[in-house]
Amino acid sequence: MRRSEFDRAVADEFGARGGSLLTDLVLSAVGGRTSVDALAAGVDPRDVWLALCAETDVPENRRYGVGRLEPRRS
């Protein structure tokens, strides 16, 4: 997962509250850091996304493959 895909996934799943979740919610799965701190420390965006989903009880069917743009049609 690229950082841009992470950002889209957060916006799609959490909407306006996504920003505050990234800066305020401490995630034990990424070393007791917030999402912002974990990303700054070099933690893979996919790992941060999955930790954020687990902490906020996002259903598993909405955790994988999100954030990707739809393929362009010719």
PDB file of N, CA and C in Angstrom:
ATOM      1  N   MET A   1       0.856  -1.169   0.000  1.00  0.00           N
ATOM      2  CA  MET A   1       0.000   0.000   0.000  1.00  0.00           C
ATOM      3  C   MET A   1       0.901   1.230   0.000  1.00  0.00           C
ATOM      4  N   ARG A   2       0.619   2.127  -0.928  1.00  0.00           N
ATOM      5  CA  ARG A   2       1.337   3.399  -0.976  1.00  0.00           C
ATOM      6  C   ARG A   2       0.715   4.378   0.014  1.00  0.00           C
ATOM      7  N   ARG A   3       1.452   5.418   0.330  1.00  0.00           N
ATOM      8  CA  ARG A   3       0.933   6.429   1.252  1.00  0.00           C
ATOM      9  C   ARG A   3      -0.334   7.078   0.691  1.00  0.00           C
ATOM     10  N   SER A   4      -0.344   7.339  -0.622  1.00  0.00           N
ATOM     11  CA  SER A   4      -1.532   7.943  -1.237  1.00  0.00           C
ATOM     12  C   SER A   4      -2.743   7.019  -1.118  1.00  0.00           C
ATOM     13  N   GLU A   5      -2.522   5.713  -1.223  1.00  0.00           N
ATOM     14  CA  GLU A   5      -3.612   4.751  -1.052  1.00  0.00           C
ATOM     15  C   GLU A   5      -4.088   4.739   0.399  1.00  0.00           C
ATOM     16  N   PHE A   6      -3.148   4.841   1.320  1.00  0.00           N
ATOM     17  CA  PHE A   6      -3.495   4.932   2.742  1.00  0.00           C
ATOM     18  C   PHE A   6      -4.381   6.155   2.996  1.00  0.00           C
ATOM     19  N   ASP A   7      -3.973   7.292   2.459  1.00  0.00           N
ATOM     20  CA  ASP A   7      -4.738   8.524   2.657  1.00  0.00           C
ATOM     21  C   ASP A   7      -6.147   8.411   2.082  1.00  0.00           C
ATOM     22  N   ARG A   8      -6.286   7.811   0.891  1.00  0.00           N
ATOM     23  CA  ARG A   8      -7.613   7.610   0.298  1.00  0.00           C
ATOM     24  C   ARG A   8      -8.444   6.661   1.140  1.00  0.00           C
ATOM     25  N   ALA A   9      -7.829   5.592   1.631  1.00  0.00           N
ATOM     26  CA  ALA A   9      -8.555   4.617   2.441  1.00  0.00           C
ATOM     27  C   ALA A   9      -9.079   5.255   3.719  1.00  0.00           C
ATOM     28  N   VAL A  10      -8.254   6.061   4.371  1.00  0.00           N
ATOM     29  CA  VAL A  10      -8.672   6.743   5.599  1.00  0.00           C
ATOM     30  C   VAL A  10      -9.824   7.693   5.298  1.00  0.00           C
ATOM     31  N   ALA A  11      -9.709   8.468   4.236  1.00  0.00           N
ATOM     32  CA  ALA A  11     -10.769   9.417   3.876  1.00  0.00           C
ATOM     33  C   ALA A  11     -12.066   8.686   3.543  1.00  0.00           C
ATOM     34  N   ASP A  12     -11.971   7.592   2.798  1.00  0.00           N
ATOM     35  CA  ASP A  12     -13.166   6.839   2.408  1.00  0.00           C
ATOM     36  C   ASP A  12     -13.837   6.175   3.600  1.00  0.00           C
ATOM     37  N   GLU A  13     -13.045   5.623   4.501  1.00  0.00           N
ATOM     38  CA  GLU A  13     -13.601   4.878   5.632  1.00  0.00           C
ATOM     39  C   GLU A  13     -14.070   5.792   6.760  1.00  0.00           C
ATOM     40  N   PHE A  14     -13.300   6.813   7.076  1.00  0.00           N
ATOM     41  CA  PHE A  14     -13.570   7.611   8.265  1.00  0.00           C
ATOM     42  C   PHE A  14     -14.078   9.023   7.993  1.00  0.00           C
ATOM     43  N   GLY A  15     -13.993   9.468   6.754  1.00  0.00           N
ATOM     44  CA  GLY A  15     -14.486  10.799   6.416  1.00  0.00           C
ATOM     45  C   GLY A  15     -13.792  11.896   7.204  1.00  0.00           C
ATOM     46  N   ALA A  16     -14.584  12.849   7.683  1.00  0.00           N
ATOM     47  CA  ALA A  16     -14.041  14.026   8.364  1.00  0.00           C
ATOM     48  C   ALA A  16     -13.303  13.692   9.656  1.00  0.00           C
ATOM     49  N   ARG A  17     -13.659  12.607  10.309  1.00  0.00           N
ATOM     50  CA  ARG A  17     -12.979  12.284  11.570  1.00  0.00           C
ATOM     51  C   ARG A  17     -11.647  11.571  11.362  1.00  0.00           C
ATOM     52  N   GLY A  18     -11.306  11.260  10.124  1.00  0.00           N
ATOM     53  CA  GLY A  18     -10.065  10.559   9.827  1.00  0.00           C
ATOM     54  C   GLY A  18      -8.828  11.298  10.312  1.00  0.00           C
ATOM     55  N   GLY A  19      -8.800  12.598  10.104  1.00  0.00           N
ATOM     56  CA  GLY A  19      -7.637  13.379  10.517  1.00  0.00           C
ATOM     57  C   GLY A  19      -7.372  13.300  12.005  1.00  0.00           C
ATOM     58  N   SER A  20      -8.431  13.388  12.793  1.00  0.00           N
ATOM     59  CA  SER A  20      -8.231  13.322  14.243  1.00  0.00           C
ATOM     60  C   SER A  20      -7.849  11.914  14.688  1.00  0.00           C
ATOM     61  N   LEU A  21      -8.349  10.898  14.008  1.00  0.00           N
ATOM     62  CA  LEU A  21      -7.937   9.530  14.349  1.00  0.00           C
ATOM     63  C   LEU A  21      -6.448   9.334  14.108  1.00  0.00           C
ATOM     64  N   LEU A  22      -5.948   9.903  13.016  1.00  0.00           N
ATOM     65  CA  LEU A  22      -4.528   9.742  12.677  1.00  0.00           C
ATOM     66  C   LEU A  22      -3.611  10.413  13.686  1.00  0.00           C
ATOM     67  N   THR A  23      -4.065  11.507  14.264  1.00  0.00           N
ATOM     68  CA  THR A  23      -3.201  12.255  15.186  1.00  0.00           C
ATOM     69  C   THR A  23      -3.454  11.945  16.656  1.00  0.00           C
ATOM     70  N   ASP A  24      -4.627  11.416  16.992  1.00  0.00           N
ATOM     71  CA  ASP A  24      -4.986  11.230  18.401  1.00  0.00           C
ATOM     72  C   ASP A  24      -5.014   9.780  18.883  1.00  0.00           C
ATOM     73  N   LEU A  25      -5.379   8.862  18.013  1.00  0.00           N
ATOM     74  CA  LEU A  25      -5.558   7.465  18.428  1.00  0.00           C
ATOM     75  C   LEU A  25      -4.213   6.743  18.471  1.00  0.00           C
ATOM     76  N   VAL A  26      -3.844   6.239  19.634  1.00  0.00           N
ATOM     77  CA  VAL A  26      -2.591   5.493  19.800  1.00  0.00           C
ATOM     78  C   VAL A  26      -2.865   4.022  19.469  1.00  0.00           C
ATOM     79  N   LEU A  27      -2.023   3.470  18.610  1.00  0.00           N
ATOM     80  CA  LEU A  27      -2.191   2.102  18.123  1.00  0.00           C
ATOM     81  C   LEU A  27      -1.099   1.205  18.703  1.00  0.00           C
ATOM     82  N   SER A  28      -1.483   0.264  19.527  1.00  0.00           N
ATOM     83  CA  SER A  28      -0.495  -0.623  20.150  1.00  0.00           C
ATOM     84  C   SER A  28       0.211  -1.495  19.118  1.00  0.00           C
ATOM     85  N   ALA A  29      -0.469  -1.829  18.035  1.00  0.00           N
ATOM     86  CA  ALA A  29       0.105  -2.723  17.021  1.00  0.00           C
ATOM     87  C   ALA A  29       1.269  -2.103  16.247  1.00  0.00           C
ATOM     88  N   VAL A  30       1.428  -0.786  16.343  1.00  0.00           N
ATOM     89  CA  VAL A  30       2.552  -0.126  15.662  1.00  0.00           C
ATOM     90  C   VAL A  30       3.457   0.568  16.685  1.00  0.00           C
ATOM     91  N   GLY A  31       3.628  -0.077  17.804  1.00  0.00           N
ATOM     92  CA  GLY A  31       4.572   0.401  18.809  1.00  0.00           C
ATOM     93  C   GLY A  31       4.041   1.468  19.734  1.00  0.00           C
ATOM     94  N   GLY A  32       2.733   1.510  19.929  1.00  0.00           N
ATOM     95  CA  GLY A  32       2.171   2.508  20.830  1.00  0.00           C
ATOM     96  C   GLY A  32       2.290   3.913  20.291  1.00  0.00           C
ATOM     97  N   ARG A  33       2.186   4.042  18.982  1.00  0.00           N
ATOM     98  CA  ARG A  33       2.286   5.347  18.312  1.00  0.00           C
ATOM     99  C   ARG A  33       0.946   5.696  17.684  1.00  0.00           C
ATOM    100  N   THR A  34       0.798   6.976  17.371  1.00  0.00           N
ATOM    101  CA  THR A  34      -0.331   7.370  16.536  1.00  0.00           C
ATOM    102  C   THR A  34       0.003   6.974  15.093  1.00  0.00           C
ATOM    103  N   SER A  35      -0.990   7.017  14.232  1.00  0.00           N
ATOM    104  CA  SER A  35      -0.744   6.706  12.820  1.00  0.00           C
ATOM    105  C   SER A  35       0.280   7.657  12.220  1.00  0.00           C
ATOM    106  N   VAL A  36       0.149   8.932  12.514  1.00  0.00           N
ATOM    107  CA  VAL A  36       1.079   9.939  11.986  1.00  0.00           C
ATOM    108  C   VAL A  36       2.501   9.644  12.446  1.00  0.00           C
ATOM    109  N   ASP A  37       2.669   9.338  13.720  1.00  0.00           N
ATOM    110  CA  ASP A  37       4.006   9.044  14.251  1.00  0.00           C
ATOM    111  C   ASP A  37       4.567   7.755  13.665  1.00  0.00           C
ATOM    112  N   ALA A  38       3.715   6.751  13.505  1.00  0.00           N
ATOM    113  CA  ALA A  38       4.169   5.481  12.937  1.00  0.00           C
ATOM    114  C   ALA A  38       4.638   5.666  11.496  1.00  0.00           C
ATOM    115  N   LEU A  39       3.872   6.404  10.712  1.00  0.00           N
ATOM    116  CA  LEU A  39       4.271   6.649   9.323  1.00  0.00           C
ATOM    117  C   LEU A  39       5.577   7.438   9.267  1.00  0.00           C
ATOM    118  N   ALA A  40       5.715   8.426  10.137  1.00  0.00           N
ATOM    119  CA  ALA A  40       6.943   9.224  10.179  1.00  0.00           C
ATOM    120  C   ALA A  40       8.147   8.382  10.587  1.00  0.00           C
ATOM    121  N   ALA A  41       7.908   7.345  11.380  1.00  0.00           N
ATOM    122  CA  ALA A  41       8.985   6.465  11.825  1.00  0.00           C
ATOM    123  C   ALA A  41       9.316   5.386  10.791  1.00  0.00           C
ATOM    124  N   GLY A  42       8.585   5.383   9.681  1.00  0.00           N
ATOM    125  CA  GLY A  42       8.889   4.436   8.612  1.00  0.00           C
ATOM    126  C   GLY A  42       8.083   3.146   8.627  1.00  0.00           C
ATOM    127  N   VAL A  43       7.058   3.075   9.463  1.00  0.00           N
ATOM    128  CA  VAL A  43       6.200   1.895   9.466  1.00  0.00           C
ATOM    129  C   VAL A  43       5.430   1.872   8.153  1.00  0.00           C
ATOM    130  N   ASP A  44       5.334   0.694   7.552  1.00  0.00           N
ATOM    131  CA  ASP A  44       4.645   0.533   6.277  1.00  0.00           C
ATOM    132  C   ASP A  44       3.189   1.011   6.391  1.00  0.00           C
ATOM    133  N   PRO A  45       2.722   1.818   5.441  1.00  0.00           N
ATOM    134  CA  PRO A  45       1.338   2.295   5.494  1.00  0.00           C
ATOM    135  C   PRO A  45       0.304   1.175   5.607  1.00  0.00           C
ATOM    136  N   ARG A  46       0.573   0.024   5.008  1.00  0.00           N
ATOM    137  CA  ARG A  46      -0.348  -1.111   5.090  1.00  0.00           C
ATOM    138  C   ARG A  46      -0.486  -1.577   6.542  1.00  0.00           C
ATOM    139  N   ASP A  47       0.636  -1.640   7.261  1.00  0.00           N
ATOM    140  CA  ASP A  47       0.605  -2.055   8.659  1.00  0.00           C
ATOM    141  C   ASP A  47      -0.145  -1.041   9.522  1.00  0.00           C
ATOM    142  N   VAL A  48       0.049   0.240   9.231  1.00  0.00           N
ATOM    143  CA  VAL A  48      -0.659   1.276   9.968  1.00  0.00           C
ATOM    144  C   VAL A  48      -2.156   1.189   9.670  1.00  0.00           C
ATOM    145  N   TRP A  49      -2.509   1.005   8.403  1.00  0.00           N
ATOM    146  CA  TRP A  49      -3.914   0.880   8.013  1.00  0.00           C
ATOM    147  C   TRP A  49      -4.576  -0.293   8.732  1.00  0.00           C
ATOM    148  N   LEU A  50      -3.937  -1.440   8.734  1.00  0.00           N
ATOM    149  CA  LEU A  50      -4.523  -2.618   9.380  1.00  0.00           C
ATOM    150  C   LEU A  50      -4.640  -2.424  10.892  1.00  0.00           C
ATOM    151  N   ALA A  51      -3.656  -1.765  11.504  1.00  0.00           N
ATOM    152  CA  ALA A  51      -3.726  -1.475  12.941  1.00  0.00           C
ATOM    153  C   ALA A  51      -4.870  -0.509  13.235  1.00  0.00           C
ATOM    154  N   LEU A  52      -5.022   0.496  12.400  1.00  0.00           N
ATOM    155  CA  LEU A  52      -6.108   1.470  12.559  1.00  0.00           C
ATOM    156  C   LEU A  52      -7.465   0.786  12.404  1.00  0.00           C
ATOM    157  N   CYS A  53      -7.585  -0.086  11.433  1.00  0.00           N
ATOM    158  CA  CYS A  53      -8.833  -0.829  11.222  1.00  0.00           C
ATOM    159  C   CYS A  53      -9.153  -1.717  12.415  1.00  0.00           C
ATOM    160  N   ALA A  54      -8.159  -2.410  12.919  1.00  0.00           N
ATOM    161  CA  ALA A  54      -8.379  -3.303  14.057  1.00  0.00           C
ATOM    162  C   ALA A  54      -8.808  -2.513  15.289  1.00  0.00           C
ATOM    163  N   GLU A  55      -8.170  -1.397  15.521  1.00  0.00           N
ATOM    164  CA  GLU A  55      -8.463  -0.580  16.702  1.00  0.00           C
ATOM    165  C   GLU A  55      -9.852   0.051  16.641  1.00  0.00           C
ATOM    166  N   THR A  56     -10.335   0.337  15.441  1.00  0.00           N
ATOM    167  CA  THR A  56     -11.632   1.000  15.280  1.00  0.00           C
ATOM    168  C   THR A  56     -12.729   0.048  14.827  1.00  0.00           C
ATOM    169  N   ASP A  57     -12.440  -1.252  14.838  1.00  0.00           N
ATOM    170  CA  ASP A  57     -13.422  -2.289  14.498  1.00  0.00           C
ATOM    171  C   ASP A  57     -14.001  -2.168  13.087  1.00  0.00           C
ATOM    172  N   VAL A  58     -13.165  -1.801  12.136  1.00  0.00           N
ATOM    173  CA  VAL A  58     -13.589  -1.805  10.736  1.00  0.00           C
ATOM    174  C   VAL A  58     -13.749  -3.267  10.320  1.00  0.00           C
ATOM    175  N   PRO A  59     -14.890  -3.636   9.717  1.00  0.00           N
ATOM    176  CA  PRO A  59     -15.082  -5.029   9.292  1.00  0.00           C
ATOM    177  C   PRO A  59     -13.983  -5.474   8.324  1.00  0.00           C
ATOM    178  N   GLU A  60     -13.601  -6.734   8.421  1.00  0.00           N
ATOM    179  CA  GLU A  60     -12.502  -7.247   7.604  1.00  0.00           C
ATOM    180  C   GLU A  60     -12.741  -7.073   6.114  1.00  0.00           C
ATOM    181  N   ASN A  61     -13.981  -7.137   5.667  1.00  0.00           N
ATOM    182  CA  ASN A  61     -14.240  -7.010   4.230  1.00  0.00           C
ATOM    183  C   ASN A  61     -13.979  -5.591   3.718  1.00  0.00           C
ATOM    184  N   ARG A  62     -13.749  -4.626   4.611  1.00  0.00           N
ATOM    185  CA  ARG A  62     -13.427  -3.260   4.191  1.00  0.00           C
ATOM    186  C   ARG A  62     -11.967  -2.912   4.476  1.00  0.00           C
ATOM    187  N   ARG A  63     -11.165  -3.877   4.848  1.00  0.00           N
ATOM    188  CA  ARG A  63      -9.757  -3.601   5.188  1.00  0.00           C
ATOM    189  C   ARG A  63      -8.794  -3.830   4.044  1.00  0.00           C
ATOM    190  N   TYR A  64      -9.109  -4.711   3.138  1.00  0.00           N
ATOM    191  CA  TYR A  64      -8.135  -5.144   2.133  1.00  0.00           C
ATOM    192  C   TYR A  64      -8.472  -4.603   0.762  1.00  0.00           C
ATOM    193  N   GLY A  65      -7.449  -4.127   0.063  1.00  0.00           N
ATOM    194  CA  GLY A  65      -7.629  -3.626  -1.291  1.00  0.00           C
ATOM    195  C   GLY A  65      -8.213  -2.229  -1.376  1.00  0.00           C
ATOM    196  N   VAL A  66      -8.387  -1.567  -0.247  1.00  0.00           N
ATOM    197  CA  VAL A  66      -8.960  -0.221  -0.264  1.00  0.00           C
ATOM    198  C   VAL A  66      -7.893   0.805  -0.588  1.00  0.00           C
ATOM    199  N   GLY A  67      -8.344   1.956  -1.026  1.00  0.00           N
ATOM    200  CA  GLY A  67      -7.423   3.046  -1.328  1.00  0.00           C
ATOM    201  C   GLY A  67      -6.916   3.052  -2.749  1.00  0.00           C
ATOM    202  N   ARG A  68      -7.134   1.978  -3.463  1.00  0.00           N
ATOM    203  CA  ARG A  68      -6.673   1.916  -4.847  1.00  0.00           C
ATOM    204  C   ARG A  68      -7.676   2.589  -5.762  1.00  0.00           C
ATOM    205  N   LEU A  69      -7.152   3.250  -6.744  1.00  0.00           N
ATOM    206  CA  LEU A  69      -8.022   3.863  -7.736  1.00  0.00           C
ATOM    207  C   LEU A  69      -8.557   2.784  -8.663  1.00  0.00           C
ATOM    208  N   GLU A  70      -9.740   3.016  -9.193  1.00  0.00           N
ATOM    209  CA  GLU A  70     -10.289   2.077 -10.169  1.00  0.00           C
ATOM    210  C   GLU A  70      -9.417   2.118 -11.417  1.00  0.00           C
ATOM    211  N   PRO A  71      -9.206   0.960 -12.069  1.00  0.00           N
ATOM    212  CA  PRO A  71      -8.394   0.956 -13.292  1.00  0.00           C
ATOM    213  C   PRO A  71      -9.030   1.852 -14.350  1.00  0.00           C
ATOM    214  N   ARG A  72      -8.189   2.484 -15.120  1.00  0.00           N
ATOM    215  CA  ARG A  72      -8.677   3.328 -16.218  1.00  0.00           C
ATOM    216  C   ARG A  72      -9.264   2.450 -17.310  1.00  0.00           C
ATOM    217  N   ARG A  73     -10.334   2.926 -17.856  1.00  0.00           N
ATOM    218  CA  ARG A  73     -10.959   2.177 -18.960  1.00  0.00           C
ATOM    219  C   ARG A  73     -10.502   2.779 -20.277  1.00  0.00           C
ATOM    220  N   SER A  74     -10.210   1.923 -21.206  1.00  0.00           N
ATOM    221  CA  SER A  74      -9.727   2.400 -22.524  1.00  0.00           C
ATOM    222  C   SER A  74     -10.843   2.816 -23.422  1.00  0.00           C
TER     223      SER A  74
END
